[in-house]
Amino acid sequence: MSDEDPLALEEQVCFALSVAARGVVAVYRPLLEPMGLTHPQYLVMLALWQYAPVSVRRLSELLQLDPGTLSPLLKRLEAIGYLRRERKAGDERSLAITLTDTGRALRAEAEKIPPAVVQRLGLPIEDLRTLHAALTRVIAAAQ
């Protein structure tokens, strides 16, 4: 019989993921503040820099967020001038999200964030790539 406790806190994957997520988001916070972005808003902007123009439905799928969670993020980003929400011609039920000139220009500043995060974490890039691959498998398995 094993002496290991199956409920030991430090052995739980959910605990490690939760603490790691909070810690990594804390690393991003001071980098995002000058751009007026929270971490969830930054994720929206990453998706828009890659895919805009995009429907709210598709953006919701890309970010794996329900529309009710996504909507306030989009409203705030629109209020600060980074994006526009427009009804699609021919389908008044569908909202298209497009970047404003200001939102597009913000990308140049955001390009400094990934290397700054790597530097602040102090981990070899290969370790971070391995972690990303493992987390991608965990995400797929959990779905």
N, C-alpha and C. Protein backbone atom coordinates (compact mmCIF):
# COMPACT_ATOMS: atom_id res chain seq x y z
N MET A 1 0.84 -1.20 0.00
CA MET A 1 0.00 0.00 0.00
C MET A 1 0.88 1.25 0.00
N SER A 2 0.50 2.19 -0.80
CA SER A 2 1.29 3.41 -0.95
C SER A 2 1.07 4.34 0.23
N ASP A 3 2.15 5.04 0.61
CA ASP A 3 2.05 6.03 1.68
C ASP A 3 1.58 7.38 1.16
N GLU A 4 1.51 7.51 -0.17
CA GLU A 4 1.10 8.78 -0.75
C GLU A 4 -0.39 9.03 -0.53
N ASP A 5 -0.71 10.24 -0.18
CA ASP A 5 -2.10 10.66 0.02
C ASP A 5 -2.65 11.11 -1.33
N PRO A 6 -3.70 10.44 -1.85
CA PRO A 6 -4.24 10.83 -3.16
C PRO A 6 -4.86 12.23 -3.16
N LEU A 7 -5.06 12.78 -1.98
CA LEU A 7 -5.63 14.13 -1.89
C LEU A 7 -4.62 15.16 -1.40
N ALA A 8 -3.34 14.82 -1.43
CA ALA A 8 -2.33 15.79 -1.01
C ALA A 8 -2.38 17.01 -1.94
N LEU A 9 -2.54 18.18 -1.37
CA LEU A 9 -2.70 19.41 -2.13
C LEU A 9 -1.59 19.60 -3.16
N GLU A 10 -0.36 19.43 -2.73
CA GLU A 10 0.78 19.70 -3.61
C GLU A 10 0.92 18.69 -4.74
N GLU A 11 0.15 17.62 -4.71
CA GLU A 11 0.17 16.60 -5.76
C GLU A 11 -0.95 16.80 -6.80
N GLN A 12 -1.83 17.75 -6.57
CA GLN A 12 -2.98 17.94 -7.44
C GLN A 12 -2.62 18.77 -8.67
N VAL A 13 -2.96 18.25 -9.84
CA VAL A 13 -2.72 18.98 -11.09
C VAL A 13 -3.51 20.28 -11.09
N CYS A 14 -4.74 20.24 -10.62
CA CYS A 14 -5.57 21.45 -10.62
C CYS A 14 -4.94 22.55 -9.77
N PHE A 15 -4.33 22.17 -8.66
CA PHE A 15 -3.68 23.16 -7.80
C PHE A 15 -2.47 23.78 -8.51
N ALA A 16 -1.64 22.95 -9.10
CA ALA A 16 -0.45 23.46 -9.81
C ALA A 16 -0.86 24.38 -10.96
N LEU A 17 -1.88 23.98 -11.73
CA LEU A 17 -2.35 24.81 -12.84
C LEU A 17 -2.89 26.15 -12.34
N SER A 18 -3.66 26.12 -11.27
CA SER A 18 -4.26 27.33 -10.73
C SER A 18 -3.20 28.31 -10.24
N VAL A 19 -2.24 27.81 -9.47
CA VAL A 19 -1.19 28.68 -8.94
C VAL A 19 -0.30 29.20 -10.08
N ALA A 20 0.03 28.33 -11.03
CA ALA A 20 0.85 28.74 -12.17
C ALA A 20 0.13 29.81 -12.99
N ALA A 21 -1.15 29.61 -13.24
CA ALA A 21 -1.92 30.58 -14.03
C ALA A 21 -1.93 31.95 -13.34
N ARG A 22 -2.19 31.97 -12.04
CA ARG A 22 -2.19 33.25 -11.32
C ARG A 22 -0.82 33.91 -11.38
N GLY A 23 0.22 33.11 -11.22
CA GLY A 23 1.58 33.65 -11.24
C GLY A 23 1.96 34.22 -12.60
N VAL A 24 1.62 33.51 -13.65
CA VAL A 24 1.96 33.98 -15.00
C VAL A 24 1.16 35.23 -15.34
N VAL A 25 -0.12 35.26 -15.01
CA VAL A 25 -0.93 36.45 -15.27
C VAL A 25 -0.35 37.65 -14.50
N ALA A 26 0.16 37.42 -13.30
CA ALA A 26 0.79 38.51 -12.52
C ALA A 26 2.04 39.04 -13.22
N VAL A 27 2.76 38.18 -13.94
CA VAL A 27 3.93 38.63 -14.70
C VAL A 27 3.49 39.54 -15.84
N TYR A 28 2.36 39.24 -16.46
CA TYR A 28 1.85 40.05 -17.57
C TYR A 28 1.32 41.41 -17.11
N ARG A 29 0.76 41.48 -15.91
CA ARG A 29 0.04 42.68 -15.47
C ARG A 29 0.82 43.97 -15.67
N PRO A 30 2.05 44.10 -15.17
CA PRO A 30 2.74 45.39 -15.34
C PRO A 30 3.12 45.68 -16.80
N LEU A 31 3.20 44.65 -17.61
CA LEU A 31 3.50 44.85 -19.03
C LEU A 31 2.27 45.34 -19.80
N LEU A 32 1.09 44.93 -19.35
CA LEU A 32 -0.15 45.29 -20.03
C LEU A 32 -0.72 46.63 -19.56
N GLU A 33 -0.42 47.01 -18.33
CA GLU A 33 -0.99 48.24 -17.76
C GLU A 33 -0.74 49.48 -18.61
N PRO A 34 0.48 49.67 -19.16
CA PRO A 34 0.69 50.87 -19.98
C PRO A 34 -0.19 50.92 -21.24
N MET A 35 -0.68 49.76 -21.67
CA MET A 35 -1.55 49.70 -22.85
C MET A 35 -3.02 49.78 -22.44
N GLY A 36 -3.29 49.84 -21.15
CA GLY A 36 -4.66 49.90 -20.67
C GLY A 36 -5.40 48.60 -20.80
N LEU A 37 -4.67 47.48 -20.80
CA LEU A 37 -5.28 46.17 -21.00
C LEU A 37 -5.18 45.29 -19.77
N THR A 38 -6.22 44.52 -19.53
CA THR A 38 -6.17 43.43 -18.57
C THR A 38 -5.71 42.19 -19.34
N HIS A 39 -5.36 41.13 -18.63
CA HIS A 39 -4.93 39.91 -19.32
C HIS A 39 -6.04 39.34 -20.21
N PRO A 40 -7.30 39.24 -19.76
CA PRO A 40 -8.34 38.76 -20.68
C PRO A 40 -8.51 39.64 -21.92
N GLN A 41 -8.39 40.95 -21.75
CA GLN A 41 -8.48 41.85 -22.90
C GLN A 41 -7.30 41.64 -23.85
N TYR A 42 -6.13 41.36 -23.30
CA TYR A 42 -4.95 41.08 -24.12
C TYR A 42 -5.18 39.83 -24.96
N LEU A 43 -5.79 38.81 -24.39
CA LEU A 43 -6.08 37.59 -25.15
C LEU A 43 -7.03 37.90 -26.30
N VAL A 44 -8.02 38.75 -26.07
CA VAL A 44 -8.94 39.16 -27.13
C VAL A 44 -8.15 39.87 -28.23
N MET A 45 -7.27 40.78 -27.83
CA MET A 45 -6.49 41.53 -28.82
C MET A 45 -5.56 40.60 -29.60
N LEU A 46 -4.96 39.62 -28.95
CA LEU A 46 -4.12 38.65 -29.67
C LEU A 46 -4.92 37.96 -30.77
N ALA A 47 -6.14 37.54 -30.43
CA ALA A 47 -6.99 36.86 -31.41
C ALA A 47 -7.35 37.82 -32.54
N LEU A 48 -7.63 39.06 -32.21
CA LEU A 48 -8.01 40.03 -33.24
C LEU A 48 -6.83 40.39 -34.14
N TRP A 49 -5.64 40.53 -33.57
CA TRP A 49 -4.48 40.83 -34.41
C TRP A 49 -4.24 39.70 -35.41
N GLN A 50 -4.61 38.50 -35.04
CA GLN A 50 -4.40 37.36 -35.92
C GLN A 50 -5.55 37.13 -36.89
N TYR A 51 -6.80 37.35 -36.44
CA TYR A 51 -7.96 36.91 -37.23
C TYR A 51 -8.92 38.00 -37.70
N ALA A 52 -8.82 39.22 -37.18
CA ALA A 52 -9.80 40.25 -37.53
C ALA A 52 -9.79 40.55 -39.03
N PRO A 53 -10.95 40.85 -39.59
CA PRO A 53 -12.26 40.90 -38.95
C PRO A 53 -12.79 39.50 -38.66
N VAL A 54 -13.54 39.39 -37.58
CA VAL A 54 -14.02 38.09 -37.13
C VAL A 54 -15.38 38.26 -36.45
N SER A 55 -16.21 37.26 -36.57
CA SER A 55 -17.51 37.31 -35.90
C SER A 55 -17.34 37.07 -34.40
N VAL A 56 -18.28 37.55 -33.63
CA VAL A 56 -18.25 37.32 -32.18
C VAL A 56 -18.29 35.82 -31.90
N ARG A 57 -19.08 35.11 -32.68
CA ARG A 57 -19.18 33.66 -32.48
C ARG A 57 -17.82 32.98 -32.69
N ARG A 58 -17.13 33.35 -33.76
CA ARG A 58 -15.82 32.75 -34.05
C ARG A 58 -14.81 33.16 -32.99
N LEU A 59 -14.85 34.41 -32.56
CA LEU A 59 -13.94 34.89 -31.53
C LEU A 59 -14.16 34.12 -30.23
N SER A 60 -15.42 33.89 -29.91
CA SER A 60 -15.78 33.09 -28.74
C SER A 60 -15.17 31.69 -28.81
N GLU A 61 -15.23 31.09 -30.01
CA GLU A 61 -14.64 29.76 -30.21
C GLU A 61 -13.12 29.80 -30.07
N LEU A 62 -12.50 30.78 -30.69
CA LEU A 62 -11.04 30.89 -30.65
C LEU A 62 -10.52 31.04 -29.23
N LEU A 63 -11.21 31.85 -28.44
CA LEU A 63 -10.78 32.13 -27.07
C LEU A 63 -11.32 31.13 -26.05
N GLN A 64 -12.21 30.26 -26.52
CA GLN A 64 -12.87 29.29 -25.64
C GLN A 64 -13.55 30.01 -24.46
N LEU A 65 -14.27 31.08 -24.81
CA LEU A 65 -15.05 31.86 -23.85
C LEU A 65 -16.49 31.89 -24.32
N ASP A 66 -17.42 31.82 -23.38
CA ASP A 66 -18.82 31.95 -23.78
C ASP A 66 -19.10 33.41 -24.13
N PRO A 67 -20.07 33.64 -25.03
CA PRO A 67 -20.37 35.02 -25.46
C PRO A 67 -20.70 35.96 -24.30
N GLY A 68 -21.30 35.45 -23.25
CA GLY A 68 -21.62 36.29 -22.09
C GLY A 68 -20.39 36.81 -21.37
N THR A 69 -19.31 36.06 -21.40
CA THR A 69 -18.05 36.49 -20.81
C THR A 69 -17.30 37.40 -21.78
N LEU A 70 -17.40 37.10 -23.05
CA LEU A 70 -16.69 37.87 -24.08
C LEU A 70 -17.28 39.26 -24.28
N SER A 71 -18.59 39.38 -24.22
CA SER A 71 -19.27 40.64 -24.52
C SER A 71 -18.76 41.84 -23.71
N PRO A 72 -18.63 41.73 -22.37
CA PRO A 72 -18.11 42.89 -21.63
C PRO A 72 -16.66 43.24 -22.00
N LEU A 73 -15.87 42.23 -22.35
CA LEU A 73 -14.50 42.50 -22.78
C LEU A 73 -14.50 43.32 -24.07
N LEU A 74 -15.37 42.92 -25.01
CA LEU A 74 -15.47 43.64 -26.28
C LEU A 74 -15.98 45.06 -26.07
N LYS A 75 -16.97 45.23 -25.20
CA LYS A 75 -17.51 46.57 -24.93
C LYS A 75 -16.43 47.48 -24.37
N ARG A 76 -15.63 46.96 -23.45
CA ARG A 76 -14.57 47.77 -22.85
C ARG A 76 -13.50 48.12 -23.88
N LEU A 77 -13.11 47.15 -24.71
CA LEU A 77 -12.11 47.42 -25.75
C LEU A 77 -12.62 48.40 -26.79
N GLU A 78 -13.92 48.35 -27.04
CA GLU A 78 -14.52 49.33 -27.96
C GLU A 78 -14.51 50.72 -27.32
N ALA A 79 -14.83 50.78 -26.03
CA ALA A 79 -14.88 52.06 -25.32
C ALA A 79 -13.51 52.74 -25.28
N ILE A 80 -12.44 51.96 -25.22
CA ILE A 80 -11.10 52.58 -25.19
C ILE A 80 -10.53 52.76 -26.60
N GLY A 81 -11.32 52.40 -27.61
CA GLY A 81 -10.96 52.73 -28.97
C GLY A 81 -10.11 51.73 -29.73
N TYR A 82 -10.06 50.48 -29.27
CA TYR A 82 -9.23 49.47 -29.92
C TYR A 82 -9.97 48.63 -30.96
N LEU A 83 -11.29 48.60 -30.88
CA LEU A 83 -12.06 47.80 -31.84
C LEU A 83 -13.42 48.42 -32.09
N ARG A 84 -14.08 47.90 -33.13
CA ARG A 84 -15.46 48.28 -33.46
C ARG A 84 -16.28 47.00 -33.57
N ARG A 85 -17.49 47.07 -33.06
CA ARG A 85 -18.45 45.98 -33.24
C ARG A 85 -19.48 46.47 -34.24
N GLU A 86 -19.63 45.74 -35.35
CA GLU A 86 -20.55 46.18 -36.40
C GLU A 86 -21.43 45.03 -36.82
N ARG A 87 -22.68 45.35 -37.13
CA ARG A 87 -23.59 44.33 -37.67
C ARG A 87 -23.13 43.96 -39.07
N LYS A 88 -23.12 42.67 -39.36
CA LYS A 88 -22.74 42.20 -40.70
C LYS A 88 -23.83 42.54 -41.70
N ALA A 89 -23.43 43.03 -42.84
CA ALA A 89 -24.38 43.31 -43.91
C ALA A 89 -25.03 41.99 -44.33
N GLY A 90 -26.34 41.99 -44.41
CA GLY A 90 -27.06 40.79 -44.82
C GLY A 90 -27.40 39.86 -43.68
N ASP A 91 -26.84 40.08 -42.48
CA ASP A 91 -27.16 39.26 -41.32
C ASP A 91 -27.10 40.14 -40.08
N GLU A 92 -28.21 40.80 -39.79
CA GLU A 92 -28.27 41.74 -38.68
C GLU A 92 -28.05 41.08 -37.32
N ARG A 93 -28.18 39.73 -37.26
CA ARG A 93 -27.99 39.04 -35.99
C ARG A 93 -26.51 38.82 -35.66
N SER A 94 -25.66 38.94 -36.66
CA SER A 94 -24.25 38.62 -36.49
C SER A 94 -23.41 39.89 -36.34
N LEU A 95 -22.58 39.91 -35.29
CA LEU A 95 -21.69 41.04 -35.06
C LEU A 95 -20.30 40.70 -35.60
N ALA A 96 -19.73 41.64 -36.34
CA ALA A 96 -18.35 41.49 -36.81
C ALA A 96 -17.47 42.41 -35.96
N ILE A 97 -16.32 41.88 -35.57
CA ILE A 97 -15.37 42.66 -34.78
C ILE A 97 -14.21 43.05 -35.69
N THR A 98 -13.94 44.34 -35.74
CA THR A 98 -12.81 44.84 -36.53
C THR A 98 -11.94 45.70 -35.62
N LEU A 99 -10.68 45.77 -35.94
CA LEU A 99 -9.75 46.62 -35.20
C LEU A 99 -9.82 48.05 -35.74
N THR A 100 -9.66 48.99 -34.84
CA THR A 100 -9.51 50.39 -35.27
C THR A 100 -8.03 50.59 -35.63
N ASP A 101 -7.72 51.74 -36.19
CA ASP A 101 -6.31 52.06 -36.47
C ASP A 101 -5.50 52.02 -35.18
N THR A 102 -6.07 52.52 -34.09
CA THR A 102 -5.39 52.51 -32.79
C THR A 102 -5.15 51.08 -32.32
N GLY A 103 -6.16 50.23 -32.49
CA GLY A 103 -6.03 48.83 -32.10
C GLY A 103 -4.96 48.11 -32.92
N ARG A 104 -4.93 48.39 -34.21
CA ARG A 104 -3.89 47.78 -35.07
C ARG A 104 -2.50 48.28 -34.66
N ALA A 105 -2.38 49.57 -34.40
CA ALA A 105 -1.09 50.16 -34.03
C ALA A 105 -0.57 49.62 -32.69
N LEU A 106 -1.47 49.23 -31.82
CA LEU A 106 -1.09 48.71 -30.50
C LEU A 106 -0.27 47.42 -30.62
N ARG A 107 -0.44 46.73 -31.72
CA ARG A 107 0.29 45.47 -31.93
C ARG A 107 1.81 45.67 -31.82
N ALA A 108 2.31 46.76 -32.36
CA ALA A 108 3.76 47.02 -32.32
C ALA A 108 4.26 47.06 -30.88
N GLU A 109 3.49 47.68 -30.01
CA GLU A 109 3.86 47.73 -28.58
C GLU A 109 3.74 46.34 -27.95
N ALA A 110 2.70 45.60 -28.33
CA ALA A 110 2.46 44.28 -27.76
C ALA A 110 3.53 43.27 -28.16
N GLU A 111 4.20 43.50 -29.27
CA GLU A 111 5.25 42.56 -29.71
C GLU A 111 6.40 42.48 -28.71
N LYS A 112 6.51 43.46 -27.83
CA LYS A 112 7.56 43.46 -26.80
C LYS A 112 7.19 42.55 -25.62
N ILE A 113 5.93 42.17 -25.51
CA ILE A 113 5.48 41.44 -24.33
C ILE A 113 6.02 40.01 -24.26
N PRO A 114 5.90 39.18 -25.31
CA PRO A 114 6.40 37.80 -25.16
C PRO A 114 7.86 37.69 -24.71
N PRO A 115 8.79 38.45 -25.33
CA PRO A 115 10.17 38.32 -24.85
C PRO A 115 10.34 38.83 -23.41
N ALA A 116 9.57 39.84 -23.03
CA ALA A 116 9.65 40.36 -21.66
C ALA A 116 9.14 39.31 -20.67
N VAL A 117 8.10 38.59 -21.03
CA VAL A 117 7.57 37.54 -20.16
C VAL A 117 8.60 36.42 -20.01
N VAL A 118 9.19 36.01 -21.12
CA VAL A 118 10.22 34.96 -21.07
C VAL A 118 11.36 35.40 -20.15
N GLN A 119 11.80 36.64 -20.30
CA GLN A 119 12.88 37.16 -19.46
C GLN A 119 12.48 37.16 -17.99
N ARG A 120 11.28 37.63 -17.68
CA ARG A 120 10.84 37.71 -16.29
C ARG A 120 10.65 36.34 -15.66
N LEU A 121 10.22 35.37 -16.45
CA LEU A 121 10.06 34.02 -15.91
C LEU A 121 11.43 33.36 -15.68
N GLY A 122 12.41 33.73 -16.49
CA GLY A 122 13.75 33.19 -16.30
C GLY A 122 13.88 31.71 -16.61
N LEU A 123 12.99 31.20 -17.44
CA LEU A 123 13.04 29.78 -17.84
C LEU A 123 13.55 29.68 -19.27
N PRO A 124 14.26 28.62 -19.58
CA PRO A 124 14.69 28.44 -20.97
C PRO A 124 13.49 28.35 -21.90
N ILE A 125 13.60 28.95 -23.07
CA ILE A 125 12.50 28.96 -24.04
C ILE A 125 12.06 27.54 -24.37
N GLU A 126 12.98 26.60 -24.41
CA GLU A 126 12.61 25.22 -24.72
C GLU A 126 11.73 24.63 -23.63
N ASP A 127 11.97 24.98 -22.37
CA ASP A 127 11.10 24.52 -21.28
C ASP A 127 9.69 25.09 -21.46
N LEU A 128 9.61 26.36 -21.87
CA LEU A 128 8.30 26.98 -22.07
C LEU A 128 7.56 26.35 -23.25
N ARG A 129 8.28 26.00 -24.29
CA ARG A 129 7.65 25.32 -25.44
C ARG A 129 7.15 23.93 -25.03
N THR A 130 7.94 23.22 -24.23
CA THR A 130 7.54 21.90 -23.74
C THR A 130 6.30 22.02 -22.85
N LEU A 131 6.29 23.02 -21.98
CA LEU A 131 5.13 23.27 -21.12
C LEU A 131 3.90 23.60 -21.96
N HIS A 132 4.07 24.45 -22.95
CA HIS A 132 2.94 24.81 -23.83
C HIS A 132 2.37 23.57 -24.51
N ALA A 133 3.23 22.71 -25.02
CA ALA A 133 2.77 21.48 -25.68
C ALA A 133 2.02 20.59 -24.70
N ALA A 134 2.54 20.46 -23.48
CA ALA A 134 1.87 19.63 -22.48
C ALA A 134 0.51 20.22 -22.10
N LEU A 135 0.45 21.54 -21.93
CA LEU A 135 -0.83 22.19 -21.58
C LEU A 135 -1.83 22.06 -22.72
N THR A 136 -1.37 22.15 -23.95
CA THR A 136 -2.25 21.98 -25.10
C THR A 136 -2.87 20.58 -25.08
N ARG A 137 -2.08 19.57 -24.73
CA ARG A 137 -2.62 18.21 -24.61
C ARG A 137 -3.61 18.10 -23.46
N VAL A 138 -3.33 18.77 -22.34
CA VAL A 138 -4.25 18.75 -21.21
C VAL A 138 -5.57 19.42 -21.60
N ILE A 139 -5.51 20.53 -22.30
CA ILE A 139 -6.72 21.23 -22.75
C ILE A 139 -7.55 20.30 -23.63
N ALA A 140 -6.91 19.66 -24.58
CA ALA A 140 -7.62 18.74 -25.48
C ALA A 140 -8.22 17.57 -24.71
N ALA A 141 -7.49 17.03 -23.77
CA ALA A 141 -7.99 15.89 -22.99
C ALA A 141 -9.19 16.30 -22.11
N ALA A 142 -9.17 17.52 -21.61
CA ALA A 142 -10.24 17.98 -20.72
C ALA A 142 -11.52 18.31 -21.49
N GLN A 143 -11.40 18.46 -22.81
CA GLN A 143 -12.58 18.78 -23.60
C GLN A 143 -13.21 17.50 -24.02
